[in-house]
Amino acid sequence: MKRLTAKEEEIMQMFWEHVPMFVRELLAFYEEPKPHYNNVSTLVRGLEEKGFVKYKAYGNTYQYYEAVSDKEYKRSA
């Protein structure tokens, strides 16, 4: 299993604690100054490409949820 960057791990921690979520909901967990929506969206899409999250489409909006549990990830370390 691939290792994640610190930013990716931070986002995955949010998914492990609060699934499922839209990118806009992820932003609510960040303190000021919040990262830009597009930056978070790009990181989430990268996690999806790596197989760590999956999504359910609602029109042109995506709700993401974990595909790899925190236990699975820590076990592969």
PDB file of N, CA and C in Angstrom:
ATOM      1  N   MET A   1       0.846  -1.174   0.000  1.00  0.00           N
ATOM      2  CA  MET A   1       0.000   0.000   0.000  1.00  0.00           C
ATOM      3  C   MET A   1       0.896   1.243   0.000  1.00  0.00           C
ATOM      4  N   LYS A   2       0.519   2.233  -0.798  1.00  0.00           N
ATOM      5  CA  LYS A   2       1.306   3.457  -0.882  1.00  0.00           C
ATOM      6  C   LYS A   2       1.227   4.253   0.408  1.00  0.00           C
ATOM      7  N   ARG A   3       2.305   4.952   0.717  1.00  0.00           N
ATOM      8  CA  ARG A   3       2.329   5.868   1.860  1.00  0.00           C
ATOM      9  C   ARG A   3       1.731   7.196   1.415  1.00  0.00           C
ATOM     10  N   LEU A   4       1.125   7.879   2.348  1.00  0.00           N
ATOM     11  CA  LEU A   4       0.494   9.156   2.055  1.00  0.00           C
ATOM     12  C   LEU A   4       1.361  10.306   2.546  1.00  0.00           C
ATOM     13  N   THR A   5       1.179  11.463   1.911  1.00  0.00           N
ATOM     14  CA  THR A   5       1.855  12.669   2.384  1.00  0.00           C
ATOM     15  C   THR A   5       1.175  13.126   3.675  1.00  0.00           C
ATOM     16  N   ALA A   6       1.786  14.065   4.360  1.00  0.00           N
ATOM     17  CA  ALA A   6       1.208  14.582   5.609  1.00  0.00           C
ATOM     18  C   ALA A   6      -0.165  15.198   5.358  1.00  0.00           C
ATOM     19  N   LYS A   7      -0.317  15.939   4.275  1.00  0.00           N
ATOM     20  CA  LYS A   7      -1.611  16.562   3.948  1.00  0.00           C
ATOM     21  C   LYS A   7      -2.660  15.497   3.636  1.00  0.00           C
ATOM     22  N   GLU A   8      -2.265  14.469   2.888  1.00  0.00           N
ATOM     23  CA  GLU A   8      -3.199  13.391   2.573  1.00  0.00           C
ATOM     24  C   GLU A   8      -3.611  12.646   3.838  1.00  0.00           C
ATOM     25  N   GLU A   9      -2.661  12.399   4.729  1.00  0.00           N
ATOM     26  CA  GLU A   9      -2.988  11.728   5.995  1.00  0.00           C
ATOM     27  C   GLU A   9      -3.942  12.572   6.829  1.00  0.00           C
ATOM     28  N   GLU A  10      -3.757  13.884   6.804  1.00  0.00           N
ATOM     29  CA  GLU A  10      -4.641  14.792   7.539  1.00  0.00           C
ATOM     30  C   GLU A  10      -6.080  14.672   7.020  1.00  0.00           C
ATOM     31  N   ILE A  11      -6.234  14.628   5.713  1.00  0.00           N
ATOM     32  CA  ILE A  11      -7.567  14.490   5.117  1.00  0.00           C
ATOM     33  C   ILE A  11      -8.146  13.113   5.418  1.00  0.00           C
ATOM     34  N   MET A  12      -7.323  12.073   5.303  1.00  0.00           N
ATOM     35  CA  MET A  12      -7.816  10.730   5.605  1.00  0.00           C
ATOM     36  C   MET A  12      -8.274  10.630   7.049  1.00  0.00           C
ATOM     37  N   GLN A  13      -7.578  11.290   7.968  1.00  0.00           N
ATOM     38  CA  GLN A  13      -7.986  11.279   9.370  1.00  0.00           C
ATOM     39  C   GLN A  13      -9.399  11.846   9.504  1.00  0.00           C
ATOM     40  N   MET A  14      -9.704  12.882   8.738  1.00  0.00           N
ATOM     41  CA  MET A  14     -11.055  13.460   8.758  1.00  0.00           C
ATOM     42  C   MET A  14     -12.078  12.453   8.238  1.00  0.00           C
ATOM     43  N   PHE A  15     -11.726  11.742   7.173  1.00  0.00           N
ATOM     44  CA  PHE A  15     -12.645  10.730   6.636  1.00  0.00           C
ATOM     45  C   PHE A  15     -12.836   9.584   7.623  1.00  0.00           C
ATOM     46  N   TRP A  16     -11.774   9.175   8.286  1.00  0.00           N
ATOM     47  CA  TRP A  16     -11.887   8.076   9.250  1.00  0.00           C
ATOM     48  C   TRP A  16     -12.774   8.453  10.424  1.00  0.00           C
ATOM     49  N   GLU A  17     -12.818   9.732  10.746  1.00  0.00           N
ATOM     50  CA  GLU A  17     -13.627  10.180  11.881  1.00  0.00           C
ATOM     51  C   GLU A  17     -15.025  10.652  11.493  1.00  0.00           C
ATOM     52  N   HIS A  18     -15.206  11.123  10.246  1.00  0.00           N
ATOM     53  CA  HIS A  18     -16.472  11.764   9.858  1.00  0.00           C
ATOM     54  C   HIS A  18     -16.904  11.382   8.442  1.00  0.00           C
ATOM     55  N   VAL A  19     -17.160  10.148   8.143  1.00  0.00           N
ATOM     56  CA  VAL A  19     -17.572   9.788   6.784  1.00  0.00           C
ATOM     57  C   VAL A  19     -19.076   9.703   6.688  1.00  0.00           C
ATOM     58  N   PRO A  20     -19.654   9.830   5.512  1.00  0.00           N
ATOM     59  CA  PRO A  20     -19.099  10.382   4.272  1.00  0.00           C
ATOM     60  C   PRO A  20     -19.155  11.909   4.292  1.00  0.00           C
ATOM     61  N   MET A  21     -18.379  12.533   3.399  1.00  0.00           N
ATOM     62  CA  MET A  21     -18.339  13.997   3.358  1.00  0.00           C
ATOM     63  C   MET A  21     -18.126  14.518   1.943  1.00  0.00           C
ATOM     64  N   PHE A  22     -18.648  15.721   1.728  1.00  0.00           N
ATOM     65  CA  PHE A  22     -18.353  16.480   0.522  1.00  0.00           C
ATOM     66  C   PHE A  22     -17.093  17.301   0.808  1.00  0.00           C
ATOM     67  N   VAL A  23     -16.410  17.752  -0.231  1.00  0.00           N
ATOM     68  CA  VAL A  23     -15.195  18.546  -0.040  1.00  0.00           C
ATOM     69  C   VAL A  23     -15.499  19.784   0.797  1.00  0.00           C
ATOM     70  N   ARG A  24     -16.635  20.415   0.561  1.00  0.00           N
ATOM     71  CA  ARG A  24     -16.998  21.616   1.316  1.00  0.00           C
ATOM     72  C   ARG A  24     -17.117  21.318   2.818  1.00  0.00           C
ATOM     73  N   GLU A  25     -17.580  20.137   3.148  1.00  0.00           N
ATOM     74  CA  GLU A  25     -17.675  19.741   4.558  1.00  0.00           C
ATOM     75  C   GLU A  25     -16.287  19.531   5.168  1.00  0.00           C
ATOM     76  N   LEU A  26     -15.360  19.030   4.374  1.00  0.00           N
ATOM     77  CA  LEU A  26     -13.981  18.873   4.849  1.00  0.00           C
ATOM     78  C   LEU A  26     -13.397  20.216   5.264  1.00  0.00           C
ATOM     79  N   LEU A  27     -13.691  21.248   4.488  1.00  0.00           N
ATOM     80  CA  LEU A  27     -13.144  22.577   4.767  1.00  0.00           C
ATOM     81  C   LEU A  27     -13.559  23.091   6.139  1.00  0.00           C
ATOM     82  N   ALA A  28     -14.717  22.672   6.615  1.00  0.00           N
ATOM     83  CA  ALA A  28     -15.209  23.134   7.920  1.00  0.00           C
ATOM     84  C   ALA A  28     -14.308  22.672   9.065  1.00  0.00           C
ATOM     85  N   PHE A  29     -13.539  21.620   8.868  1.00  0.00           N
ATOM     86  CA  PHE A  29     -12.671  21.097   9.923  1.00  0.00           C
ATOM     87  C   PHE A  29     -11.321  21.813  10.005  1.00  0.00           C
ATOM     88  N   TYR A  30     -11.015  22.627   9.010  1.00  0.00           N
ATOM     89  CA  TYR A  30      -9.754  23.366   9.011  1.00  0.00           C
ATOM     90  C   TYR A  30      -9.902  24.661   9.796  1.00  0.00           C
ATOM     91  N   GLU A  31      -8.821  25.041  10.464  1.00  0.00           N
ATOM     92  CA  GLU A  31      -8.792  26.325  11.153  1.00  0.00           C
ATOM     93  C   GLU A  31      -8.396  27.405  10.153  1.00  0.00           C
ATOM     94  N   GLU A  32      -8.646  28.657  10.520  1.00  0.00           N
ATOM     95  CA  GLU A  32      -8.254  29.784   9.673  1.00  0.00           C
ATOM     96  C   GLU A  32      -6.738  29.901   9.675  1.00  0.00           C
ATOM     97  N   PRO A  33      -6.114  30.234   8.596  1.00  0.00           N
ATOM     98  CA  PRO A  33      -6.699  30.408   7.276  1.00  0.00           C
ATOM     99  C   PRO A  33      -6.976  29.054   6.632  1.00  0.00           C
ATOM    100  N   LYS A  34      -8.182  28.897   6.139  1.00  0.00           N
ATOM    101  CA  LYS A  34      -8.583  27.639   5.510  1.00  0.00           C
ATOM    102  C   LYS A  34      -7.919  27.514   4.134  1.00  0.00           C
ATOM    103  N   PRO A  35      -7.563  26.292   3.740  1.00  0.00           N
ATOM    104  CA  PRO A  35      -7.020  26.111   2.389  1.00  0.00           C
ATOM    105  C   PRO A  35      -8.114  26.364   1.357  1.00  0.00           C
ATOM    106  N   HIS A  36      -7.710  26.650   0.147  1.00  0.00           N
ATOM    107  CA  HIS A  36      -8.673  26.896  -0.920  1.00  0.00           C
ATOM    108  C   HIS A  36      -9.397  25.597  -1.278  1.00  0.00           C
ATOM    109  N   TYR A  37     -10.649  25.712  -1.640  1.00  0.00           N
ATOM    110  CA  TYR A  37     -11.477  24.568  -2.019  1.00  0.00           C
ATOM    111  C   TYR A  37     -10.777  23.705  -3.066  1.00  0.00           C
ATOM    112  N   ASN A  38     -10.204  24.350  -4.097  1.00  0.00           N
ATOM    113  CA  ASN A  38      -9.575  23.591  -5.186  1.00  0.00           C
ATOM    114  C   ASN A  38      -8.383  22.772  -4.696  1.00  0.00           C
ATOM    115  N   ASN A  39      -7.629  23.299  -3.745  1.00  0.00           N
ATOM    116  CA  ASN A  39      -6.485  22.545  -3.208  1.00  0.00           C
ATOM    117  C   ASN A  39      -6.948  21.280  -2.498  1.00  0.00           C
ATOM    118  N   VAL A  40      -7.971  21.407  -1.675  1.00  0.00           N
ATOM    119  CA  VAL A  40      -8.495  20.244  -0.951  1.00  0.00           C
ATOM    120  C   VAL A  40      -9.102  19.248  -1.936  1.00  0.00           C
ATOM    121  N   SER A  41      -9.837  19.759  -2.915  1.00  0.00           N
ATOM    122  CA  SER A  41     -10.455  18.900  -3.923  1.00  0.00           C
ATOM    123  C   SER A  41      -9.398  18.104  -4.692  1.00  0.00           C
ATOM    124  N   THR A  42      -8.295  18.746  -5.031  1.00  0.00           N
ATOM    125  CA  THR A  42      -7.207  18.068  -5.740  1.00  0.00           C
ATOM    126  C   THR A  42      -6.609  16.957  -4.882  1.00  0.00           C
ATOM    127  N   LEU A  43      -6.406  17.224  -3.602  1.00  0.00           N
ATOM    128  CA  LEU A  43      -5.877  16.199  -2.697  1.00  0.00           C
ATOM    129  C   LEU A  43      -6.842  15.018  -2.574  1.00  0.00           C
ATOM    130  N   VAL A  44      -8.132  15.302  -2.484  1.00  0.00           N
ATOM    131  CA  VAL A  44      -9.130  14.232  -2.361  1.00  0.00           C
ATOM    132  C   VAL A  44      -9.165  13.395  -3.637  1.00  0.00           C
ATOM    133  N   ARG A  45      -9.093  14.045  -4.792  1.00  0.00           N
ATOM    134  CA  ARG A  45      -9.062  13.289  -6.054  1.00  0.00           C
ATOM    135  C   ARG A  45      -7.816  12.407  -6.123  1.00  0.00           C
ATOM    136  N   GLY A  46      -6.698  12.907  -5.613  1.00  0.00           N
ATOM    137  CA  GLY A  46      -5.478  12.099  -5.559  1.00  0.00           C
ATOM    138  C   GLY A  46      -5.652  10.882  -4.668  1.00  0.00           C
ATOM    139  N   LEU A  47      -6.335  11.068  -3.541  1.00  0.00           N
ATOM    140  CA  LEU A  47      -6.626   9.938  -2.649  1.00  0.00           C
ATOM    141  C   LEU A  47      -7.535   8.927  -3.338  1.00  0.00           C
ATOM    142  N   GLU A  48      -8.451   9.419  -4.148  1.00  0.00           N
ATOM    143  CA  GLU A  48      -9.350   8.522  -4.891  1.00  0.00           C
ATOM    144  C   GLU A  48      -8.554   7.726  -5.925  1.00  0.00           C
ATOM    145  N   GLU A  49      -7.629   8.391  -6.623  1.00  0.00           N
ATOM    146  CA  GLU A  49      -6.793   7.709  -7.614  1.00  0.00           C
ATOM    147  C   GLU A  49      -5.904   6.648  -6.967  1.00  0.00           C
ATOM    148  N   LYS A  50      -5.461   6.904  -5.748  1.00  0.00           N
ATOM    149  CA  LYS A  50      -4.619   5.947  -5.021  1.00  0.00           C
ATOM    150  C   LYS A  50      -5.433   4.833  -4.372  1.00  0.00           C
ATOM    151  N   GLY A  51      -6.761   4.940  -4.414  1.00  0.00           N
ATOM    152  CA  GLY A  51      -7.618   3.894  -3.863  1.00  0.00           C
ATOM    153  C   GLY A  51      -7.951   4.040  -2.393  1.00  0.00           C
ATOM    154  N   PHE A  52      -7.675   5.201  -1.813  1.00  0.00           N
ATOM    155  CA  PHE A  52      -7.940   5.403  -0.387  1.00  0.00           C
ATOM    156  C   PHE A  52      -9.360   5.877  -0.112  1.00  0.00           C
ATOM    157  N   VAL A  53      -9.974   6.561  -1.064  1.00  0.00           N
ATOM    158  CA  VAL A  53     -11.362   6.990  -0.907  1.00  0.00           C
ATOM    159  C   VAL A  53     -12.146   6.618  -2.157  1.00  0.00           C
ATOM    160  N   LYS A  54     -13.444   6.491  -1.974  1.00  0.00           N
ATOM    161  CA  LYS A  54     -14.378   6.269  -3.074  1.00  0.00           C
ATOM    162  C   LYS A  54     -15.414   7.372  -2.994  1.00  0.00           C
ATOM    163  N   TYR A  55     -16.264   7.456  -4.002  1.00  0.00           N
ATOM    164  CA  TYR A  55     -17.262   8.517  -3.981  1.00  0.00           C
ATOM    165  C   TYR A  55     -18.590   8.049  -4.533  1.00  0.00           C
ATOM    166  N   LYS A  56     -19.615   8.799  -4.172  1.00  0.00           N
ATOM    167  CA  LYS A  56     -20.947   8.615  -4.716  1.00  0.00           C
ATOM    168  C   LYS A  56     -21.315   9.935  -5.375  1.00  0.00           C
ATOM    169  N   ALA A  57     -21.723   9.880  -6.634  1.00  0.00           N
ATOM    170  CA  ALA A  57     -22.038  11.095  -7.386  1.00  0.00           C
ATOM    171  C   ALA A  57     -23.482  11.514  -7.165  1.00  0.00           C
ATOM    172  N   TYR A  58     -23.651  12.806  -6.966  1.00  0.00           N
ATOM    173  CA  TYR A  58     -24.967  13.442  -6.883  1.00  0.00           C
ATOM    174  C   TYR A  58     -24.962  14.556  -7.917  1.00  0.00           C
ATOM    175  N   GLY A  59     -25.348  14.229  -9.150  1.00  0.00           N
ATOM    176  CA  GLY A  59     -25.239  15.208 -10.232  1.00  0.00           C
ATOM    177  C   GLY A  59     -23.763  15.460 -10.499  1.00  0.00           C
ATOM    178  N   ASN A  60     -23.347  16.729 -10.372  1.00  0.00           N
ATOM    179  CA  ASN A  60     -21.931  17.048 -10.586  1.00  0.00           C
ATOM    180  C   ASN A  60     -21.187  17.246  -9.262  1.00  0.00           C
ATOM    181  N   THR A  61     -21.762  16.761  -8.169  1.00  0.00           N
ATOM    182  CA  THR A  61     -21.151  16.848  -6.843  1.00  0.00           C
ATOM    183  C   THR A  61     -20.831  15.435  -6.360  1.00  0.00           C
ATOM    184  N   TYR A  62     -19.728  15.312  -5.629  1.00  0.00           N
ATOM    185  CA  TYR A  62     -19.296  14.002  -5.167  1.00  0.00           C
ATOM    186  C   TYR A  62     -19.201  13.966  -3.647  1.00  0.00           C
ATOM    187  N   GLN A  63     -19.750  12.906  -3.078  1.00  0.00           N
ATOM    188  CA  GLN A  63     -19.636  12.670  -1.640  1.00  0.00           C
ATOM    189  C   GLN A  63     -18.629  11.539  -1.462  1.00  0.00           C
ATOM    190  N   TYR A  64     -17.573  11.815  -0.716  1.00  0.00           N
ATOM    191  CA  TYR A  64     -16.468  10.872  -0.573  1.00  0.00           C
ATOM    192  C   TYR A  64     -16.557  10.095   0.735  1.00  0.00           C
ATOM    193  N   TYR A  65     -16.040   8.889   0.711  1.00  0.00           N
ATOM    194  CA  TYR A  65     -15.977   8.057   1.908  1.00  0.00           C
ATOM    195  C   TYR A  65     -14.725   7.184   1.828  1.00  0.00           C
ATOM    196  N   GLU A  66     -14.287   6.706   2.968  1.00  0.00           N
ATOM    197  CA  GLU A  66     -13.045   5.924   3.036  1.00  0.00           C
ATOM    198  C   GLU A  66     -13.179   4.593   2.308  1.00  0.00           C
ATOM    199  N   ALA A  67     -12.106   4.193   1.638  1.00  0.00           N
ATOM    200  CA  ALA A  67     -12.031   2.871   1.024  1.00  0.00           C
ATOM    201  C   ALA A  67     -11.025   2.009   1.782  1.00  0.00           C
ATOM    202  N   VAL A  68     -10.169   2.663   2.569  1.00  0.00           N
ATOM    203  CA  VAL A  68      -9.154   1.989   3.382  1.00  0.00           C
ATOM    204  C   VAL A  68      -9.341   2.474   4.815  1.00  0.00           C
ATOM    205  N   SER A  69      -9.476   1.552   5.738  1.00  0.00           N
ATOM    206  CA  SER A  69      -9.656   1.942   7.141  1.00  0.00           C
ATOM    207  C   SER A  69      -8.320   2.398   7.730  1.00  0.00           C
ATOM    208  N   ASP A  70      -8.405   3.121   8.835  1.00  0.00           N
ATOM    209  CA  ASP A  70      -7.176   3.566   9.496  1.00  0.00           C
ATOM    210  C   ASP A  70      -6.362   2.370   9.986  1.00  0.00           C
ATOM    211  N   LYS A  71      -7.030   1.309  10.412  1.00  0.00           N
ATOM    212  CA  LYS A  71      -6.317   0.113  10.873  1.00  0.00           C
ATOM    213  C   LYS A  71      -5.565  -0.552   9.725  1.00  0.00           C
ATOM    214  N   GLU A  72      -6.205  -0.634   8.547  1.00  0.00           N
ATOM    215  CA  GLU A  72      -5.533  -1.216   7.381  1.00  0.00           C
ATOM    216  C   GLU A  72      -4.300  -0.398   7.008  1.00  0.00           C
ATOM    217  N   TYR A  73      -4.461   0.921   7.034  1.00  0.00           N
ATOM    218  CA  TYR A  73      -3.353   1.802   6.661  1.00  0.00           C
ATOM    219  C   TYR A  73      -2.194   1.667   7.647  1.00  0.00           C
ATOM    220  N   LYS A  74      -2.496   1.672   8.934  1.00  0.00           N
ATOM    221  CA  LYS A  74      -1.444   1.575   9.953  1.00  0.00           C
ATOM    222  C   LYS A  74      -0.763   0.209   9.921  1.00  0.00           C
ATOM    223  N   ARG A  75      -1.529  -0.829   9.589  1.00  0.00           N
ATOM    224  CA  ARG A  75      -0.970  -2.180   9.501  1.00  0.00           C
ATOM    225  C   ARG A  75       0.048  -2.287   8.367  1.00  0.00           C
ATOM    226  N   SER A  76      -0.169  -1.527   7.289  1.00  0.00           N
ATOM    227  CA  SER A  76       0.720  -1.614   6.132  1.00  0.00           C
ATOM    228  C   SER A  76       1.991  -0.788   6.310  1.00  0.00           C
ATOM    229  N   ALA A  77       2.052  -0.008   7.373  1.00  0.00           N
ATOM    230  CA  ALA A  77       3.215   0.882   7.594  1.00  0.00           C
ATOM    231  C   ALA A  77       4.482   0.114   7.894  1.00  0.00           C
TER     232      ALA A  77
END
